[in-house]
Amino acid sequence: MRCGSGHRRRMQMRTECLDCPSKTPATNTESRRWILLRLIKSRLCLSQLKNLQNAPKKTNVKTLLEGLKVGRVVEGCDRFGVNQSEFSIQQGCLMRGIRVYIPPKLRQRVLEELHTGHFGVSRMKSLARSYCWWETVDRDIEDLSRDCCECASVKKNPVSVAPHCWEQATEPFQRIHVDFAGPFLGMYFFVIVDAFSKWPEVKIIRDMTTDTTIDRLREYFVTYGVPSVIVSDRGVQFTSDQFREFVRRNNIMHKMGAPYHPATNGQAERFVQTFKEKLKALKCERKDVQFELYKILMAYRRTVHPVTGKSPSMLVYGRQMKSRLDLLVPVADLKVSSRGEEEPVRCFTVNERVAARDFLGASKWQFGTTG
């Protein structure tokens, strides 16, 4: 009885010592003992591991164990399609290299142990490769990490995919991007940007209804023509039946951006941002907004755009718009006729009959002779 009691005390001290996290095993043998004792700590005993490994399943682990004991090569389906030389038996447990094979009934416990601290997939797989193995361990770790509510609540945003680039427009006003801005000083703004030339158009509007939107687009079409494509967000103005009928009757393809993803309509969004910054920098009053808006549009249309390498006015009109800055450059005084050569002046002789236009009398022409 004393011997048995002393043996139990020694086993208890040994277990407590190895369970201490500060004494991490260094050798392969200690690593295997470490994982087994960690399993014991989670109420899993070595005898359970042996019995469950011997239990029948799709892959007959019992056949693999018997083959390893007698040195017989088993079928590929009974060794998970892995080279049999990678397997061994230590203390009655099936090992693959230095990793112990975990039966299906115990895998959830091991996964929970690997997920202690709620670390990510990479760290969990790194731990698993040092201690345990089964045929779907990597997939099970990924599923556990993905389905963990605690991890999902603190997870970072996924990596952004490359933004979709619009097809390059081939001519001015072929595709236009529209958006709203405001309220600013109690006013709203309807922004239209041409995709080819980056030509901006901003209209001050009283509201953002569908009727107002259609009226401003008609005004735009009268000046620049009907576009082939209109790109907008999913605002109620653009999803209404009235707007759908408007674009259908004008044979316009209407494309809308993804919900809560304004970058889809990037052409208009970028100019709206630029437009807001300039208005705020001007610090103008409400009565001066229209005048300041004209100056912003004039400067933007004359400035070289970094994407096209040309100014919007150059791409639309084929020339640079003239402004007060052009008055700084001296120009030659053109006295020559615009037709190239001066036409000869007609001469009359004395007593020659002529007709003169009368703008005051009742008769249109007055006739007489030269003196």
Protein backbone atom coordinates (compact mmCIF):
# COMPACT_ATOMS: atom_id res chain seq x y z
CA MET A 1 0.00 0.00 0.00
CA ARG A 2 2.86 2.37 0.79
CA CYS A 3 4.49 1.61 -2.53
CA GLY A 4 1.26 2.26 -4.39
CA SER A 5 0.65 5.49 -2.47
CA GLY A 6 4.19 6.74 -3.16
CA HIS A 7 3.83 5.84 -6.84
CA ARG A 8 0.63 7.89 -7.11
CA ARG A 9 2.30 10.87 -5.43
CA ARG A 10 5.24 10.70 -7.85
CA MET A 11 2.90 10.54 -10.86
CA GLN A 12 0.92 13.52 -9.51
CA MET A 13 4.11 15.59 -9.03
CA ARG A 14 5.30 14.64 -12.51
CA THR A 15 2.00 15.67 -14.06
CA GLU A 16 1.94 19.01 -12.23
CA CYS A 17 5.52 19.71 -13.27
CA LEU A 18 4.92 19.02 -16.93
CA ASP A 19 1.66 21.00 -16.90
CA CYS A 20 3.59 24.13 -15.92
CA PRO A 21 3.75 26.39 -19.04
CA SER A 22 7.18 27.78 -18.10
CA LYS A 23 8.83 24.38 -18.63
CA THR A 24 8.32 23.82 -22.34
CA PRO A 25 9.71 20.50 -23.65
CA ALA A 26 12.74 20.69 -25.91
CA THR A 27 13.18 17.21 -27.43
CA ASN A 28 10.82 15.27 -29.66
CA THR A 29 10.09 12.72 -26.93
CA GLU A 30 9.21 15.48 -24.49
CA SER A 31 7.01 17.12 -27.14
CA ARG A 32 4.94 13.98 -27.48
CA ARG A 33 4.60 13.65 -23.74
CA TRP A 34 3.67 17.32 -23.54
CA ILE A 35 0.73 17.06 -25.93
CA LEU A 36 -0.51 13.90 -24.21
CA LEU A 37 -0.41 15.56 -20.82
CA ARG A 38 -2.18 18.62 -22.23
CA LEU A 39 -4.91 16.31 -23.41
CA ILE A 40 -5.05 14.76 -19.93
CA LYS A 41 -5.49 18.25 -18.53
CA SER A 42 -8.60 18.69 -20.69
CA ARG A 43 -10.09 15.52 -19.15
CA LEU A 44 -8.73 13.21 -21.86
CA CYS A 45 -6.77 10.17 -20.75
CA LEU A 46 -4.26 8.11 -22.72
CA SER A 47 -6.45 5.03 -22.63
CA GLN A 48 -9.28 6.97 -24.35
CA LEU A 49 -6.88 7.99 -27.10
CA LYS A 50 -5.76 4.39 -27.67
CA ASN A 51 -9.30 3.04 -27.66
CA LEU A 52 -10.62 5.67 -30.08
CA GLN A 53 -7.68 5.16 -32.43
CA ASN A 54 -8.58 1.46 -32.58
CA ALA A 55 -12.25 2.19 -33.24
CA PRO A 56 -13.52 1.27 -36.75
CA LYS A 57 -14.05 4.11 -39.25
CA LYS A 58 -13.85 4.81 -42.99
CA THR A 59 -10.07 4.63 -42.89
CA ASN A 60 -9.34 1.51 -40.85
CA VAL A 61 -6.81 2.81 -38.36
CA LYS A 62 -6.86 -0.58 -36.62
CA THR A 63 -5.58 -2.19 -39.84
CA LEU A 64 -2.79 0.37 -40.00
CA LEU A 65 -1.84 -0.27 -36.36
CA GLU A 66 -1.72 -4.03 -36.92
CA GLY A 67 0.32 -3.57 -40.09
CA LEU A 68 2.84 -1.42 -38.25
CA LYS A 69 3.14 -3.97 -35.43
CA VAL A 70 3.93 -6.90 -37.77
CA GLY A 71 5.72 -4.90 -40.47
CA ARG A 72 3.06 -5.48 -43.15
CA VAL A 73 2.26 -2.88 -45.84
CA VAL A 74 -1.43 -1.94 -45.80
CA GLU A 75 -3.62 -0.54 -48.55
CA GLY A 76 -3.48 3.19 -49.35
CA CYS A 77 -7.05 3.74 -48.16
CA ASP A 78 -6.07 2.40 -44.72
CA ARG A 79 -3.12 4.80 -44.35
CA PHE A 80 -4.81 8.03 -45.56
CA GLY A 81 -2.89 7.92 -48.85
CA VAL A 82 0.32 8.69 -46.95
CA ASN A 83 3.56 6.75 -47.18
CA GLN A 84 3.46 4.10 -44.47
CA SER A 85 7.06 4.83 -43.49
CA GLU A 86 5.87 8.12 -41.98
CA PHE A 87 3.77 6.31 -39.38
CA SER A 88 4.96 4.64 -36.17
CA ILE A 89 3.57 3.39 -32.85
CA GLN A 90 4.77 4.86 -29.56
CA GLN A 91 3.28 3.89 -26.20
CA GLY A 92 0.36 2.33 -28.06
CA CYS A 93 -0.50 5.55 -29.95
CA LEU A 94 -0.36 6.07 -33.70
CA MET A 95 2.15 8.74 -34.68
CA ARG A 96 2.95 10.46 -37.95
CA GLY A 97 6.47 11.66 -37.44
CA ILE A 98 6.43 13.53 -34.13
CA ARG A 99 2.67 14.20 -34.29
CA VAL A 100 0.04 12.04 -32.68
CA TYR A 101 -2.97 10.93 -34.69
CA ILE A 102 -6.22 12.33 -33.22
CA PRO A 103 -9.41 10.24 -33.66
CA PRO A 104 -12.60 12.04 -34.83
CA LYS A 105 -14.29 12.04 -31.41
CA LEU A 106 -11.40 13.92 -29.81
CA ARG A 107 -10.66 16.43 -32.58
CA GLN A 108 -13.03 19.11 -31.30
CA ARG A 109 -11.27 19.12 -27.93
CA VAL A 110 -7.88 19.41 -29.58
CA LEU A 111 -9.13 22.22 -31.86
CA GLU A 112 -10.40 24.15 -28.85
CA GLU A 113 -7.02 23.70 -27.19
CA LEU A 114 -5.25 24.94 -30.31
CA HIS A 115 -7.60 27.94 -30.44
CA THR A 116 -6.78 29.03 -26.90
CA GLY A 117 -6.17 32.78 -26.98
CA HIS A 118 -8.18 33.11 -30.22
CA PHE A 119 -5.16 33.30 -32.46
CA GLY A 120 -5.48 33.11 -36.22
CA VAL A 121 -5.23 30.28 -38.70
CA SER A 122 -1.48 30.55 -39.25
CA ARG A 123 -0.57 30.19 -35.57
CA MET A 124 -3.05 27.39 -35.03
CA LYS A 125 -1.61 25.44 -37.96
CA SER A 126 1.90 26.06 -36.69
CA LEU A 127 0.98 24.57 -33.30
CA ALA A 128 -0.82 21.63 -34.88
CA ARG A 129 2.20 20.75 -37.04
CA SER A 130 4.24 20.32 -33.88
CA TYR A 131 1.84 18.11 -31.91
CA CYS A 132 -1.13 16.52 -33.66
CA TRP A 133 -2.35 15.36 -37.05
CA TRP A 134 -5.38 14.01 -38.88
CA GLU A 135 -6.28 14.00 -42.53
CA THR A 136 -8.39 17.22 -42.47
CA VAL A 137 -6.62 19.15 -39.74
CA ASP A 138 -5.88 22.23 -41.89
CA ARG A 139 -9.45 22.49 -43.15
CA ASP A 140 -10.91 22.00 -39.67
CA ILE A 141 -8.67 24.75 -38.29
CA GLU A 142 -9.80 27.12 -41.03
CA ASP A 143 -13.46 26.30 -40.37
CA LEU A 144 -13.06 26.82 -36.63
CA SER A 145 -11.35 30.19 -37.06
CA ARG A 146 -13.92 31.36 -39.61
CA ASP A 147 -16.91 30.34 -37.46
CA CYS A 148 -15.58 31.76 -34.18
CA CYS A 149 -17.85 34.65 -33.13
CA GLU A 150 -15.24 36.16 -30.79
CA CYS A 151 -12.62 36.26 -33.55
CA ALA A 152 -15.08 37.67 -36.07
CA SER A 153 -16.00 40.55 -33.74
CA VAL A 154 -12.41 41.86 -33.70
CA LYS A 155 -11.32 40.79 -37.19
CA LYS A 156 -9.87 43.44 -39.50
CA ASN A 157 -11.51 44.38 -42.76
CA PRO A 158 -10.72 42.01 -45.63
CA VAL A 159 -8.08 43.02 -48.12
CA SER A 160 -9.55 45.27 -50.78
CA VAL A 161 -9.66 43.84 -54.25
CA ALA A 162 -8.36 45.77 -57.21
CA PRO A 163 -10.93 48.40 -58.24
CA HIS A 164 -12.86 47.82 -61.43
CA CYS A 165 -11.79 50.20 -64.18
CA TRP A 166 -14.39 51.60 -66.54
CA GLU A 167 -13.95 51.08 -70.23
CA GLN A 168 -12.17 53.99 -71.84
CA ALA A 169 -14.59 56.40 -73.54
CA THR A 170 -13.74 57.11 -77.16
CA GLU A 171 -15.34 60.54 -77.58
CA PRO A 172 -16.52 63.49 -75.48
CA PHE A 173 -19.85 63.07 -73.64
CA GLN A 174 -20.15 59.41 -74.54
CA ARG A 175 -20.38 58.42 -70.87
CA ILE A 176 -21.22 60.85 -68.07
CA HIS A 177 -21.12 60.39 -64.30
CA VAL A 178 -23.71 62.20 -62.17
CA ASP A 179 -24.03 62.81 -58.44
CA PHE A 180 -25.42 65.24 -55.89
CA ALA A 181 -23.60 67.45 -53.41
CA GLY A 182 -24.89 69.44 -50.46
CA PRO A 183 -26.52 70.91 -48.66
CA PHE A 184 -24.02 73.80 -48.62
CA LEU A 185 -25.30 77.17 -47.42
CA GLY A 186 -28.80 75.75 -47.83
CA MET A 187 -28.29 74.80 -51.49
CA TYR A 188 -27.88 71.55 -53.38
CA PHE A 189 -25.67 70.92 -56.40
CA PHE A 190 -26.10 68.53 -59.32
CA VAL A 191 -22.68 67.43 -60.60
CA ILE A 192 -22.05 65.97 -64.07
CA VAL A 193 -18.58 64.86 -65.23
CA ASP A 194 -17.68 63.62 -68.70
CA ALA A 195 -15.60 60.44 -68.61
CA PHE A 196 -13.57 61.22 -71.75
CA SER A 197 -12.59 64.87 -71.29
CA LYS A 198 -13.25 65.22 -67.49
CA TRP A 199 -15.39 68.25 -68.38
CA PRO A 200 -17.38 69.20 -65.25
CA GLU A 201 -20.80 70.75 -65.08
CA VAL A 202 -22.40 71.90 -61.80
CA LYS A 203 -25.98 73.10 -61.49
CA ILE A 204 -27.44 74.72 -58.37
CA ILE A 205 -30.78 73.07 -57.65
CA ARG A 206 -33.56 73.72 -55.17
CA ASP A 207 -34.10 70.05 -54.31
CA MET A 208 -32.93 66.56 -55.27
CA THR A 209 -36.16 65.16 -56.69
CA THR A 210 -36.52 63.10 -59.84
CA ASP A 211 -38.23 65.95 -61.71
CA THR A 212 -35.37 68.34 -60.97
CA THR A 213 -32.81 65.74 -61.98
CA ILE A 214 -34.50 65.11 -65.33
CA ASP A 215 -34.83 68.86 -66.05
CA ARG A 216 -31.12 69.45 -65.45
CA LEU A 217 -30.18 66.49 -67.62
CA ARG A 218 -32.35 67.79 -70.45
CA GLU A 219 -30.60 71.14 -70.21
CA TYR A 220 -27.27 69.31 -70.35
CA PHE A 221 -28.36 67.26 -73.39
CA VAL A 222 -29.36 70.40 -75.30
CA THR A 223 -25.85 71.81 -74.85
CA TYR A 224 -23.64 68.74 -75.24
CA GLY A 225 -25.85 66.07 -76.79
CA VAL A 226 -27.41 62.86 -75.50
CA PRO A 227 -24.82 60.48 -73.96
CA SER A 228 -24.73 56.74 -74.50
CA VAL A 229 -24.20 55.83 -70.82
CA ILE A 230 -25.13 57.49 -67.53
CA VAL A 231 -23.44 56.30 -64.33
CA SER A 232 -24.96 57.12 -60.96
CA ASP A 233 -25.38 55.78 -57.44
CA ARG A 234 -28.54 54.06 -56.24
CA GLY A 235 -30.31 57.14 -54.97
CA VAL A 236 -34.09 57.21 -55.12
CA GLN A 237 -33.91 59.80 -57.92
CA PHE A 238 -32.18 57.29 -60.20
CA THR A 239 -34.11 54.17 -59.23
CA SER A 240 -37.58 55.65 -59.73
CA ASP A 241 -39.82 54.48 -62.56
CA GLN A 242 -39.93 58.02 -63.94
CA PHE A 243 -36.14 58.14 -64.39
CA ARG A 244 -36.07 54.66 -65.89
CA GLU A 245 -38.63 55.73 -68.46
CA PHE A 246 -36.60 58.89 -69.19
CA VAL A 247 -33.39 56.99 -70.00
CA ARG A 248 -35.31 54.36 -71.94
CA ARG A 249 -36.96 56.92 -74.23
CA ASN A 250 -33.55 58.51 -74.90
CA ASN A 251 -31.93 55.11 -75.53
CA ILE A 252 -29.41 55.67 -72.71
CA MET A 253 -27.80 52.81 -70.83
CA HIS A 254 -28.08 53.51 -67.10
CA LYS A 255 -25.43 51.92 -64.87
CA MET A 256 -25.59 52.16 -61.08
CA GLY A 257 -22.77 51.58 -58.58
CA ALA A 258 -22.68 48.96 -55.86
CA PRO A 259 -24.61 49.83 -52.67
CA TYR A 260 -22.51 51.57 -49.98
CA HIS A 261 -19.54 51.64 -52.36
CA PRO A 262 -19.27 55.18 -53.79
CA ALA A 263 -15.91 54.44 -55.42
CA THR A 264 -17.84 52.77 -58.25
CA ASN A 265 -18.91 56.23 -59.41
CA GLY A 266 -15.43 57.59 -58.84
CA GLN A 267 -15.45 60.21 -61.61
CA ALA A 268 -18.26 62.22 -60.03
CA GLU A 269 -17.24 61.44 -56.45
CA ARG A 270 -13.74 62.83 -56.95
CA PHE A 271 -14.99 66.05 -58.49
CA VAL A 272 -17.62 66.43 -55.75
CA GLN A 273 -14.81 66.22 -53.21
CA THR A 274 -12.75 68.79 -55.12
CA PHE A 275 -15.79 71.03 -55.52
CA LYS A 276 -16.59 70.95 -51.78
CA GLU A 277 -12.99 71.73 -50.83
CA LYS A 278 -12.88 74.77 -53.13
CA LEU A 279 -16.19 76.16 -51.89
CA LYS A 280 -15.13 75.79 -48.27
CA ALA A 281 -11.79 77.46 -49.01
CA LEU A 282 -13.52 80.45 -50.62
CA LYS A 283 -15.66 81.11 -47.51
CA CYS A 284 -18.20 82.92 -49.65
CA GLU A 285 -21.69 84.06 -48.73
CA ARG A 286 -24.84 82.53 -50.12
CA LYS A 287 -25.40 85.32 -52.66
CA ASP A 288 -21.89 84.84 -54.08
CA VAL A 289 -22.01 81.05 -54.51
CA GLN A 290 -23.05 81.16 -58.18
CA PHE A 291 -20.29 83.63 -59.07
CA GLU A 292 -17.65 81.63 -57.22
CA LEU A 293 -18.92 78.46 -58.89
CA TYR A 294 -18.31 80.02 -62.31
CA LYS A 295 -14.72 80.80 -61.35
CA ILE A 296 -14.13 77.24 -60.09
CA LEU A 297 -15.47 75.71 -63.30
CA MET A 298 -13.48 78.12 -65.48
CA ALA A 299 -10.22 77.28 -63.74
CA TYR A 300 -10.88 73.53 -63.71
CA ARG A 301 -11.78 73.37 -67.41
CA ARG A 302 -8.58 75.18 -68.36
CA THR A 303 -6.25 73.14 -66.14
CA VAL A 304 -4.40 70.10 -67.50
CA HIS A 305 -5.93 66.93 -66.03
CA PRO A 306 -3.37 64.43 -64.62
CA VAL A 307 -5.16 61.45 -66.20
CA THR A 308 -5.60 62.72 -69.76
CA GLY A 309 -2.57 65.01 -69.89
CA LYS A 310 -4.74 67.71 -71.48
CA SER A 311 -7.25 70.25 -70.24
CA PRO A 312 -10.97 69.43 -70.54
CA SER A 313 -11.50 72.40 -72.87
CA MET A 314 -8.76 71.14 -75.19
CA LEU A 315 -10.41 67.71 -75.47
CA VAL A 316 -13.89 69.16 -75.99
CA TYR A 317 -13.20 72.13 -78.29
CA GLY A 318 -9.73 71.34 -79.59
CA ARG A 319 -8.41 74.63 -78.18
CA GLN A 320 -7.74 76.26 -74.84
CA MET A 321 -10.48 78.46 -73.44
CA LYS A 322 -9.49 82.12 -73.29
CA SER A 323 -9.40 83.80 -69.88
CA ARG A 324 -8.03 87.00 -68.37
CA LEU A 325 -4.64 85.30 -68.02
CA ASP A 326 -4.31 85.35 -71.81
CA LEU A 327 -4.28 89.17 -71.66
CA LEU A 328 -0.84 88.98 -70.05
CA VAL A 329 0.70 87.68 -73.28
CA PRO A 330 1.24 90.37 -75.97
CA VAL A 331 -0.15 89.56 -79.42
CA ALA A 332 0.66 91.03 -82.80
CA ASP A 333 -1.66 93.74 -84.14
CA LEU A 334 -3.46 92.07 -87.03
CA LYS A 335 -4.20 94.60 -89.77
CA VAL A 336 -4.42 92.19 -92.68
CA SER A 337 -7.87 91.13 -93.82
CA SER A 338 -8.99 87.77 -92.48
CA ARG A 339 -9.49 86.66 -96.13
CA GLY A 340 -5.79 87.06 -96.85
CA GLU A 341 -5.70 89.72 -99.62
CA GLU A 342 -7.54 93.06 -99.72
CA GLU A 343 -10.29 93.23 -102.30
CA PRO A 344 -10.05 96.14 -104.81
CA VAL A 345 -12.16 99.23 -104.04
CA ARG A 346 -14.81 100.06 -106.64
CA CYS A 347 -14.45 103.51 -108.26
CA PHE A 348 -17.11 105.65 -109.97
CA THR A 349 -16.79 108.22 -112.74
CA VAL A 350 -18.55 111.59 -112.99
CA ASN A 351 -22.21 111.49 -114.16
CA GLU A 352 -22.37 107.71 -113.67
CA ARG A 353 -25.82 106.42 -112.76
CA VAL A 354 -25.92 104.86 -109.26
CA ALA A 355 -28.50 103.51 -106.76
CA ALA A 356 -28.40 104.34 -103.04
CA ARG A 357 -30.15 102.48 -100.24
CA ASP A 358 -32.68 104.65 -98.45
CA PHE A 359 -33.31 103.52 -94.83
CA LEU A 360 -35.60 106.43 -93.87
CA GLY A 361 -37.91 106.98 -96.80
CA ALA A 362 -40.78 104.92 -98.07
CA SER A 363 -38.83 103.81 -101.17
CA LYS A 364 -36.13 101.23 -100.62
CA TRP A 365 -33.77 102.62 -103.30
CA GLN A 366 -33.01 106.15 -104.53
CA PHE A 367 -31.50 106.61 -107.99
CA GLY A 368 -29.21 109.39 -109.25
CA THR A 369 -25.86 110.26 -110.84
CA THR A 370 -22.45 111.00 -109.40
CA GLY A 371 -21.26 114.57 -109.43
